[in-house]
Amino acid sequence: MIEHPSVLEIGKELERRGQEVTFLAVDQNGELLLDEYVRALRSDTLVVSIMMANNETGVCYPVAEMARMAKETDQGIVVHTDATQALGKLPVDLQGDLKHVDLLSFSGHKIHAPKGVGCLFVRRGARWRPFILGGHQEKGRRAGTENVAYIVGLAKACELAIAGVSD
């Protein structure tokens, strides 16, 4: 199993709280075993989280195909991908090949945005519950005052990163 601690530790915490979590193995090259993934998908699966590119090995995972497989198993499965390592290096098209991805997250510092700012894309209609309560910021998705300067920095970094992919 190869996963960034920001996702891995959440899975471990869910296990400690009594949730069933399936961690998938990889082969000697760090590639996911897709047949194992398919066997792990069930109609009662709630969430699938797949990193788009591994931060240690550089292996890129077939997120579009895996998201499609999850939705074929059950349309209600929420599909998340961590695109932190891929943004600015690979095309990220949420209306095209990634149309089955419900949640996409990334950290801005990897594309030279200010440290401490990131982004979470939530597809309209995706099951979603905020984890920080108490405010109506971000359309009720996260309480707290937005750091506008960092958000503007992230937007500019995204522009430059996306332009770099198409070059």
N, C-alpha and C. Protein backbone atom coordinates (compact mmCIF):
# COMPACT_ATOMS: atom_id res chain seq x y z
N MET A 1 0.84 -1.17 0.00
CA MET A 1 0.00 0.00 0.00
C MET A 1 0.90 1.24 0.00
N ILE A 2 0.61 2.14 -0.91
CA ILE A 2 1.34 3.40 -0.98
C ILE A 2 0.29 4.50 -0.98
N GLU A 3 0.36 5.38 -0.02
CA GLU A 3 -0.62 6.47 0.06
C GLU A 3 0.00 7.60 0.85
N HIS A 4 -0.41 8.81 0.54
CA HIS A 4 0.06 9.97 1.29
C HIS A 4 -0.56 9.94 2.68
N PRO A 5 0.20 10.30 3.71
CA PRO A 5 -0.33 10.26 5.07
C PRO A 5 -1.62 11.07 5.28
N SER A 6 -1.82 12.12 4.50
CA SER A 6 -3.03 12.93 4.66
C SER A 6 -4.29 12.12 4.38
N VAL A 7 -4.19 11.10 3.56
CA VAL A 7 -5.32 10.22 3.28
C VAL A 7 -5.21 8.94 4.11
N LEU A 8 -4.02 8.38 4.18
CA LEU A 8 -3.80 7.12 4.90
C LEU A 8 -4.24 7.23 6.36
N GLU A 9 -3.87 8.31 7.02
CA GLU A 9 -4.19 8.45 8.44
C GLU A 9 -5.69 8.61 8.68
N ILE A 10 -6.40 9.22 7.73
CA ILE A 10 -7.86 9.31 7.86
C ILE A 10 -8.46 7.91 7.80
N GLY A 11 -7.97 7.09 6.88
CA GLY A 11 -8.45 5.71 6.78
C GLY A 11 -8.20 4.95 8.07
N LYS A 12 -7.01 5.11 8.63
CA LYS A 12 -6.69 4.42 9.89
C LYS A 12 -7.58 4.91 11.03
N GLU A 13 -7.85 6.21 11.07
CA GLU A 13 -8.73 6.75 12.12
C GLU A 13 -10.15 6.22 11.96
N LEU A 14 -10.63 6.12 10.74
CA LEU A 14 -11.96 5.55 10.51
C LEU A 14 -12.02 4.10 11.00
N GLU A 15 -10.95 3.35 10.77
CA GLU A 15 -10.88 1.97 11.27
C GLU A 15 -10.95 1.95 12.80
N ARG A 16 -10.21 2.85 13.45
CA ARG A 16 -10.23 2.90 14.91
C ARG A 16 -11.63 3.21 15.43
N ARG A 17 -12.41 3.93 14.63
CA ARG A 17 -13.78 4.27 15.03
C ARG A 17 -14.78 3.20 14.63
N GLY A 18 -14.29 2.08 14.12
CA GLY A 18 -15.16 0.95 13.83
C GLY A 18 -15.65 0.85 12.40
N GLN A 19 -15.18 1.72 11.52
CA GLN A 19 -15.58 1.65 10.12
C GLN A 19 -14.74 0.60 9.40
N GLU A 20 -15.31 -0.02 8.40
CA GLU A 20 -14.56 -0.97 7.58
C GLU A 20 -13.85 -0.19 6.47
N VAL A 21 -12.54 -0.32 6.42
CA VAL A 21 -11.73 0.38 5.43
C VAL A 21 -10.89 -0.66 4.70
N THR A 22 -10.85 -0.58 3.38
CA THR A 22 -10.04 -1.49 2.58
C THR A 22 -8.86 -0.72 2.01
N PHE A 23 -7.65 -1.15 2.34
CA PHE A 23 -6.44 -0.58 1.78
C PHE A 23 -5.94 -1.54 0.71
N LEU A 24 -5.64 -1.04 -0.47
CA LEU A 24 -5.22 -1.91 -1.57
C LEU A 24 -3.70 -1.98 -1.69
N ALA A 25 -3.24 -3.14 -2.07
CA ALA A 25 -1.81 -3.36 -2.27
C ALA A 25 -1.40 -2.86 -3.66
N VAL A 26 -0.11 -2.69 -3.83
CA VAL A 26 0.46 -2.34 -5.13
C VAL A 26 1.49 -3.40 -5.49
N ASP A 27 1.85 -3.46 -6.77
CA ASP A 27 2.86 -4.43 -7.18
C ASP A 27 4.26 -3.86 -6.93
N GLN A 28 5.29 -4.57 -7.37
CA GLN A 28 6.67 -4.16 -7.12
C GLN A 28 7.04 -2.84 -7.78
N ASN A 29 6.24 -2.41 -8.77
CA ASN A 29 6.49 -1.12 -9.44
C ASN A 29 5.65 0.01 -8.86
N GLY A 30 4.86 -0.30 -7.84
CA GLY A 30 4.00 0.72 -7.24
C GLY A 30 2.68 0.89 -7.95
N GLU A 31 2.38 0.01 -8.90
CA GLU A 31 1.12 0.08 -9.64
C GLU A 31 0.01 -0.58 -8.83
N LEU A 32 -1.17 0.01 -8.87
CA LEU A 32 -2.33 -0.61 -8.22
C LEU A 32 -2.73 -1.87 -8.96
N LEU A 33 -3.19 -2.84 -8.23
CA LEU A 33 -3.67 -4.08 -8.82
C LEU A 33 -5.17 -3.90 -9.09
N LEU A 34 -5.51 -3.59 -10.34
CA LEU A 34 -6.90 -3.25 -10.67
C LEU A 34 -7.88 -4.38 -10.39
N ASP A 35 -7.45 -5.63 -10.56
CA ASP A 35 -8.37 -6.74 -10.27
C ASP A 35 -8.70 -6.78 -8.77
N GLU A 36 -7.73 -6.43 -7.94
CA GLU A 36 -7.98 -6.36 -6.49
C GLU A 36 -8.94 -5.20 -6.18
N TYR A 37 -8.76 -4.10 -6.88
CA TYR A 37 -9.64 -2.94 -6.72
C TYR A 37 -11.08 -3.32 -7.06
N VAL A 38 -11.27 -3.99 -8.19
CA VAL A 38 -12.61 -4.39 -8.63
C VAL A 38 -13.24 -5.32 -7.59
N ARG A 39 -12.46 -6.25 -7.06
CA ARG A 39 -12.99 -7.17 -6.04
C ARG A 39 -13.37 -6.43 -4.75
N ALA A 40 -12.67 -5.34 -4.46
CA ALA A 40 -12.94 -4.59 -3.23
C ALA A 40 -14.20 -3.73 -3.35
N LEU A 41 -14.59 -3.36 -4.57
CA LEU A 41 -15.79 -2.54 -4.75
C LEU A 41 -17.03 -3.35 -4.42
N ARG A 42 -17.91 -2.76 -3.63
CA ARG A 42 -19.16 -3.43 -3.27
C ARG A 42 -20.29 -2.40 -3.32
N SER A 43 -21.50 -2.89 -3.36
CA SER A 43 -22.64 -1.98 -3.41
C SER A 43 -22.77 -1.16 -2.13
N ASP A 44 -22.16 -1.61 -1.02
CA ASP A 44 -22.21 -0.83 0.22
C ASP A 44 -20.94 0.02 0.44
N THR A 45 -20.08 0.10 -0.58
CA THR A 45 -18.91 0.98 -0.50
C THR A 45 -19.41 2.42 -0.48
N LEU A 46 -18.89 3.21 0.45
CA LEU A 46 -19.31 4.61 0.56
C LEU A 46 -18.39 5.56 -0.20
N VAL A 47 -17.08 5.36 -0.04
CA VAL A 47 -16.11 6.29 -0.61
C VAL A 47 -14.93 5.51 -1.18
N VAL A 48 -14.42 6.00 -2.31
CA VAL A 48 -13.17 5.51 -2.88
C VAL A 48 -12.26 6.72 -2.98
N SER A 49 -11.03 6.60 -2.50
CA SER A 49 -10.07 7.69 -2.59
C SER A 49 -8.83 7.17 -3.30
N ILE A 50 -8.47 7.83 -4.39
CA ILE A 50 -7.37 7.40 -5.25
C ILE A 50 -6.45 8.61 -5.48
N MET A 51 -5.17 8.46 -5.21
CA MET A 51 -4.27 9.56 -5.55
C MET A 51 -4.04 9.53 -7.07
N MET A 52 -3.97 10.69 -7.67
CA MET A 52 -3.78 10.76 -9.12
C MET A 52 -2.34 10.41 -9.50
N ALA A 53 -1.40 10.88 -8.71
CA ALA A 53 0.02 10.57 -8.93
C ALA A 53 0.68 10.44 -7.57
N ASN A 54 1.54 9.45 -7.44
CA ASN A 54 2.17 9.19 -6.15
C ASN A 54 3.30 10.18 -5.89
N ASN A 55 3.34 10.71 -4.68
CA ASN A 55 4.32 11.72 -4.30
C ASN A 55 5.73 11.15 -4.13
N GLU A 56 5.87 9.84 -3.94
CA GLU A 56 7.20 9.25 -3.74
C GLU A 56 7.73 8.54 -4.98
N THR A 57 6.84 7.86 -5.70
CA THR A 57 7.29 7.05 -6.85
C THR A 57 7.05 7.73 -8.19
N GLY A 58 6.11 8.67 -8.23
CA GLY A 58 5.75 9.30 -9.49
C GLY A 58 4.77 8.49 -10.32
N VAL A 59 4.37 7.32 -9.82
CA VAL A 59 3.41 6.48 -10.55
C VAL A 59 2.09 7.23 -10.67
N CYS A 60 1.53 7.23 -11.87
CA CYS A 60 0.22 7.83 -12.11
C CYS A 60 -0.82 6.72 -12.14
N TYR A 61 -1.91 6.94 -11.44
CA TYR A 61 -2.94 5.91 -11.32
C TYR A 61 -4.09 6.21 -12.28
N PRO A 62 -4.77 5.17 -12.78
CA PRO A 62 -5.86 5.33 -13.75
C PRO A 62 -7.16 5.80 -13.08
N VAL A 63 -7.15 7.03 -12.61
CA VAL A 63 -8.27 7.56 -11.82
C VAL A 63 -9.56 7.54 -12.62
N ALA A 64 -9.52 7.96 -13.88
CA ALA A 64 -10.75 8.00 -14.68
C ALA A 64 -11.37 6.61 -14.78
N GLU A 65 -10.56 5.61 -15.07
CA GLU A 65 -11.05 4.24 -15.20
C GLU A 65 -11.57 3.72 -13.85
N MET A 66 -10.84 4.00 -12.79
CA MET A 66 -11.24 3.53 -11.47
C MET A 66 -12.52 4.21 -10.99
N ALA A 67 -12.67 5.49 -11.30
CA ALA A 67 -13.90 6.21 -10.94
C ALA A 67 -15.08 5.63 -11.71
N ARG A 68 -14.88 5.35 -12.99
CA ARG A 68 -15.95 4.74 -13.80
C ARG A 68 -16.35 3.40 -13.21
N MET A 69 -15.37 2.58 -12.85
CA MET A 69 -15.65 1.26 -12.27
C MET A 69 -16.45 1.39 -10.97
N ALA A 70 -16.10 2.37 -10.15
CA ALA A 70 -16.83 2.58 -8.90
C ALA A 70 -18.28 2.94 -9.18
N LYS A 71 -18.50 3.84 -10.12
CA LYS A 71 -19.87 4.26 -10.45
C LYS A 71 -20.66 3.13 -11.10
N GLU A 72 -19.99 2.24 -11.84
CA GLU A 72 -20.68 1.08 -12.41
C GLU A 72 -21.11 0.11 -11.31
N THR A 73 -20.35 0.06 -10.22
CA THR A 73 -20.70 -0.79 -9.08
C THR A 73 -21.91 -0.20 -8.36
N ASP A 74 -21.87 1.10 -8.09
CA ASP A 74 -22.98 1.79 -7.43
C ASP A 74 -22.81 3.28 -7.66
N GLN A 75 -23.82 3.92 -8.23
CA GLN A 75 -23.76 5.36 -8.51
C GLN A 75 -23.56 6.18 -7.24
N GLY A 76 -23.93 5.62 -6.09
CA GLY A 76 -23.83 6.34 -4.83
C GLY A 76 -22.44 6.38 -4.23
N ILE A 77 -21.50 5.62 -4.78
CA ILE A 77 -20.13 5.65 -4.26
C ILE A 77 -19.53 7.03 -4.55
N VAL A 78 -19.02 7.68 -3.52
CA VAL A 78 -18.36 8.97 -3.69
C VAL A 78 -16.90 8.70 -4.04
N VAL A 79 -16.46 9.29 -5.15
CA VAL A 79 -15.09 9.08 -5.63
C VAL A 79 -14.28 10.35 -5.39
N HIS A 80 -13.19 10.20 -4.63
CA HIS A 80 -12.27 11.31 -4.34
C HIS A 80 -10.92 11.01 -4.98
N THR A 81 -10.29 12.04 -5.49
CA THR A 81 -8.90 11.90 -5.92
C THR A 81 -8.08 13.06 -5.38
N ASP A 82 -6.89 12.72 -4.94
CA ASP A 82 -5.92 13.71 -4.49
C ASP A 82 -5.05 14.02 -5.71
N ALA A 83 -5.20 15.23 -6.22
CA ALA A 83 -4.50 15.63 -7.44
C ALA A 83 -3.27 16.49 -7.15
N THR A 84 -2.85 16.54 -5.90
CA THR A 84 -1.75 17.42 -5.51
C THR A 84 -0.51 17.23 -6.37
N GLN A 85 -0.10 16.00 -6.59
CA GLN A 85 1.14 15.74 -7.34
C GLN A 85 0.94 15.82 -8.85
N ALA A 86 -0.30 15.79 -9.31
CA ALA A 86 -0.58 15.76 -10.75
C ALA A 86 -0.83 17.15 -11.33
N LEU A 87 -1.37 18.04 -10.52
CA LEU A 87 -1.75 19.36 -11.03
C LEU A 87 -0.53 20.08 -11.59
N GLY A 88 -0.66 20.55 -12.81
CA GLY A 88 0.44 21.23 -13.48
C GLY A 88 1.34 20.29 -14.26
N LYS A 89 1.11 18.99 -14.10
CA LYS A 89 1.92 18.00 -14.82
C LYS A 89 1.07 17.14 -15.73
N LEU A 90 -0.16 16.89 -15.33
CA LEU A 90 -1.10 16.07 -16.10
C LEU A 90 -2.36 16.88 -16.36
N PRO A 91 -3.06 16.60 -17.46
CA PRO A 91 -4.35 17.27 -17.67
C PRO A 91 -5.35 16.84 -16.60
N VAL A 92 -6.11 17.79 -16.10
CA VAL A 92 -7.16 17.51 -15.12
C VAL A 92 -8.45 18.07 -15.69
N ASP A 93 -9.28 17.19 -16.24
CA ASP A 93 -10.52 17.60 -16.92
C ASP A 93 -11.71 16.96 -16.22
N LEU A 94 -12.35 17.72 -15.36
CA LEU A 94 -13.48 17.20 -14.57
C LEU A 94 -14.77 17.08 -15.37
N GLN A 95 -14.79 17.63 -16.57
CA GLN A 95 -15.97 17.47 -17.43
C GLN A 95 -15.72 16.39 -18.48
N GLY A 96 -14.49 15.98 -18.63
CA GLY A 96 -14.12 14.96 -19.62
C GLY A 96 -13.83 13.64 -18.96
N ASP A 97 -12.56 13.22 -19.02
CA ASP A 97 -12.21 11.88 -18.53
C ASP A 97 -12.41 11.70 -17.03
N LEU A 98 -12.45 12.77 -16.26
CA LEU A 98 -12.67 12.66 -14.81
C LEU A 98 -14.11 12.97 -14.40
N LYS A 99 -15.04 12.78 -15.33
CA LYS A 99 -16.44 13.14 -15.06
C LYS A 99 -17.09 12.31 -13.96
N HIS A 100 -16.49 11.18 -13.59
CA HIS A 100 -17.05 10.34 -12.52
C HIS A 100 -16.42 10.64 -11.16
N VAL A 101 -15.50 11.59 -11.11
CA VAL A 101 -14.87 12.00 -9.85
C VAL A 101 -15.79 13.00 -9.17
N ASP A 102 -16.13 12.74 -7.91
CA ASP A 102 -17.02 13.62 -7.16
C ASP A 102 -16.27 14.69 -6.38
N LEU A 103 -15.12 14.32 -5.84
CA LEU A 103 -14.31 15.22 -5.02
C LEU A 103 -12.87 15.19 -5.52
N LEU A 104 -12.29 16.35 -5.72
CA LEU A 104 -10.89 16.44 -6.13
C LEU A 104 -10.22 17.46 -5.22
N SER A 105 -9.12 17.08 -4.61
CA SER A 105 -8.43 18.00 -3.71
C SER A 105 -6.98 18.16 -4.14
N PHE A 106 -6.42 19.31 -3.79
CA PHE A 106 -4.99 19.52 -3.99
C PHE A 106 -4.49 20.61 -3.06
N SER A 107 -3.21 20.55 -2.79
CA SER A 107 -2.54 21.53 -1.94
C SER A 107 -1.81 22.51 -2.84
N GLY A 108 -2.01 23.79 -2.59
CA GLY A 108 -1.46 24.81 -3.47
C GLY A 108 0.06 24.94 -3.47
N HIS A 109 0.71 24.58 -2.37
CA HIS A 109 2.16 24.80 -2.31
C HIS A 109 2.91 24.00 -3.36
N LYS A 110 2.33 22.92 -3.86
CA LYS A 110 3.00 22.11 -4.88
C LYS A 110 3.05 22.80 -6.24
N ILE A 111 2.21 23.82 -6.42
CA ILE A 111 2.24 24.57 -7.68
C ILE A 111 2.66 26.02 -7.42
N HIS A 112 3.36 26.22 -6.31
CA HIS A 112 3.95 27.51 -5.95
C HIS A 112 2.94 28.54 -5.48
N ALA A 113 1.80 28.10 -5.00
CA ALA A 113 0.86 29.00 -4.32
C ALA A 113 1.36 29.16 -2.88
N PRO A 114 0.81 30.11 -2.14
CA PRO A 114 1.23 30.25 -0.74
C PRO A 114 0.98 28.96 0.05
N LYS A 115 1.86 28.65 0.98
CA LYS A 115 1.67 27.48 1.85
C LYS A 115 0.43 27.72 2.70
N GLY A 116 -0.38 26.67 2.84
CA GLY A 116 -1.55 26.77 3.70
C GLY A 116 -2.85 26.97 2.95
N VAL A 117 -2.80 26.98 1.62
CA VAL A 117 -4.03 27.12 0.84
C VAL A 117 -4.15 25.90 -0.07
N GLY A 118 -5.37 25.46 -0.23
CA GLY A 118 -5.63 24.32 -1.09
C GLY A 118 -7.02 24.45 -1.67
N CYS A 119 -7.45 23.41 -2.34
CA CYS A 119 -8.74 23.46 -3.01
C CYS A 119 -9.42 22.10 -2.90
N LEU A 120 -10.72 22.15 -2.74
CA LEU A 120 -11.53 20.95 -2.80
C LEU A 120 -12.66 21.21 -3.78
N PHE A 121 -12.66 20.46 -4.88
CA PHE A 121 -13.76 20.50 -5.84
C PHE A 121 -14.81 19.51 -5.34
N VAL A 122 -16.06 19.97 -5.28
CA VAL A 122 -17.18 19.11 -4.90
C VAL A 122 -18.19 19.16 -6.05
N ARG A 123 -18.37 18.04 -6.71
CA ARG A 123 -19.31 17.99 -7.82
C ARG A 123 -20.73 18.22 -7.32
N ARG A 124 -21.48 19.00 -8.06
CA ARG A 124 -22.87 19.27 -7.70
C ARG A 124 -23.61 17.93 -7.55
N GLY A 125 -24.31 17.77 -6.45
CA GLY A 125 -25.07 16.56 -6.21
C GLY A 125 -24.32 15.50 -5.42
N ALA A 126 -23.01 15.68 -5.24
CA ALA A 126 -22.22 14.70 -4.48
C ALA A 126 -22.62 14.77 -3.01
N ARG A 127 -22.68 13.59 -2.37
CA ARG A 127 -22.95 13.57 -0.93
C ARG A 127 -21.79 14.26 -0.23
N TRP A 128 -22.13 15.19 0.63
CA TRP A 128 -21.09 16.00 1.25
C TRP A 128 -21.58 16.49 2.59
N ARG A 129 -20.72 16.45 3.58
CA ARG A 129 -21.03 16.99 4.90
C ARG A 129 -19.79 17.74 5.39
N PRO A 130 -19.95 19.00 5.78
CA PRO A 130 -18.78 19.76 6.24
C PRO A 130 -18.20 19.17 7.52
N PHE A 131 -16.89 19.31 7.69
CA PHE A 131 -16.25 18.80 8.90
C PHE A 131 -15.93 19.91 9.89
N ILE A 132 -16.03 21.16 9.47
CA ILE A 132 -15.88 22.30 10.37
C ILE A 132 -17.20 23.06 10.31
N LEU A 133 -17.90 23.11 11.42
CA LEU A 133 -19.23 23.71 11.47
C LEU A 133 -19.18 25.08 12.12
N GLY A 134 -20.24 25.86 11.87
CA GLY A 134 -20.37 27.12 12.59
C GLY A 134 -20.37 28.36 11.72
N GLY A 135 -20.36 28.22 10.44
CA GLY A 135 -20.36 29.39 9.57
C GLY A 135 -20.91 29.05 8.21
N HIS A 136 -21.16 30.08 7.44
CA HIS A 136 -21.74 29.87 6.11
C HIS A 136 -20.74 30.14 4.99
N GLN A 137 -19.47 30.27 5.36
CA GLN A 137 -18.46 30.51 4.33
C GLN A 137 -18.39 29.31 3.40
N GLU A 138 -17.88 29.56 2.22
CA GLU A 138 -17.71 28.49 1.23
C GLU A 138 -19.02 27.74 0.99
N LYS A 139 -20.12 28.49 0.89
CA LYS A 139 -21.45 27.91 0.66
C LYS A 139 -21.81 26.87 1.72
N GLY A 140 -21.39 27.12 2.96
CA GLY A 140 -21.70 26.22 4.06
C GLY A 140 -20.82 24.99 4.12
N ARG A 141 -19.81 24.93 3.29
CA ARG A 141 -18.95 23.74 3.25
C ARG A 141 -17.83 23.77 4.28
N ARG A 142 -17.43 24.95 4.71
CA ARG A 142 -16.35 25.06 5.70
C ARG A 142 -16.50 26.38 6.43
N ALA A 143 -16.62 26.30 7.75
CA ALA A 143 -16.71 27.52 8.55
C ALA A 143 -15.34 28.16 8.67
N GLY A 144 -15.32 29.46 8.77
CA GLY A 144 -14.06 30.18 8.97
C GLY A 144 -13.87 31.24 7.90
N THR A 145 -13.11 32.25 8.26
CA THR A 145 -12.87 33.36 7.34
C THR A 145 -11.90 32.93 6.25
N GLU A 146 -12.27 33.22 5.02
CA GLU A 146 -11.42 32.88 3.89
C GLU A 146 -10.19 33.79 3.87
N ASN A 147 -9.06 33.25 3.48
CA ASN A 147 -7.84 34.01 3.32
C ASN A 147 -7.77 34.44 1.85
N VAL A 148 -8.35 35.60 1.57
CA VAL A 148 -8.53 36.05 0.19
C VAL A 148 -7.19 36.18 -0.54
N ALA A 149 -6.18 36.71 0.12
CA ALA A 149 -4.88 36.88 -0.54
C ALA A 149 -4.31 35.52 -0.97
N TYR A 150 -4.43 34.51 -0.11
CA TYR A 150 -3.94 33.18 -0.46
C TYR A 150 -4.77 32.57 -1.58
N ILE A 151 -6.07 32.81 -1.55
CA ILE A 151 -6.94 32.28 -2.60
C ILE A 151 -6.58 32.89 -3.95
N VAL A 152 -6.32 34.18 -3.97
CA VAL A 152 -5.90 34.85 -5.22
C VAL A 152 -4.56 34.27 -5.68
N GLY A 153 -3.64 34.05 -4.74
CA GLY A 153 -2.36 33.43 -5.08
C GLY A 153 -2.54 32.04 -5.65
N LEU A 154 -3.47 31.28 -5.08
CA LEU A 154 -3.76 29.93 -5.59
C LEU A 154 -4.34 30.01 -7.00
N ALA A 155 -5.25 30.94 -7.22
CA ALA A 155 -5.85 31.08 -8.56
C ALA A 155 -4.78 31.38 -9.61
N LYS A 156 -3.86 32.28 -9.29
CA LYS A 156 -2.79 32.61 -10.23
C LYS A 156 -1.87 31.42 -10.45
N ALA A 157 -1.54 30.71 -9.37
CA ALA A 157 -0.69 29.52 -9.50
C ALA A 157 -1.37 28.46 -10.36
N CYS A 158 -2.68 28.31 -10.22
CA CYS A 158 -3.43 27.36 -11.06
C CYS A 158 -3.37 27.77 -12.52
N GLU A 159 -3.56 29.05 -12.79
CA GLU A 159 -3.47 29.55 -14.17
C GLU A 159 -2.12 29.18 -14.78
N LEU A 160 -1.06 29.46 -14.06
CA LEU A 160 0.29 29.18 -14.57
C LEU A 160 0.53 27.68 -14.71
N ALA A 161 0.05 26.89 -13.76
CA ALA A 161 0.24 25.44 -13.82
C ALA A 161 -0.50 24.84 -15.01
N ILE A 162 -1.72 25.29 -15.22
CA ILE A 162 -2.53 24.77 -16.33
C ILE A 162 -1.90 25.18 -17.66
N ALA A 163 -1.41 26.41 -17.74
CA ALA A 163 -0.74 26.86 -18.97
C ALA A 163 0.50 26.01 -19.23
N GLY A 164 1.20 25.60 -18.17
CA GLY A 164 2.39 24.77 -18.32
C GLY A 164 2.08 23.38 -18.85
N VAL A 165 0.91 22.84 -18.52
CA VAL A 165 0.52 21.51 -19.01
C VAL A 165 0.28 21.55 -20.51
N SER A 166 -0.33 22.65 -20.98
CA SER A 166 -0.67 22.72 -22.40
C SER A 166 0.53 23.10 -23.27
N ASP A 167 1.62 23.55 -22.66
CA ASP A 167 2.81 23.93 -23.44
C ASP A 167 3.56 22.72 -23.95
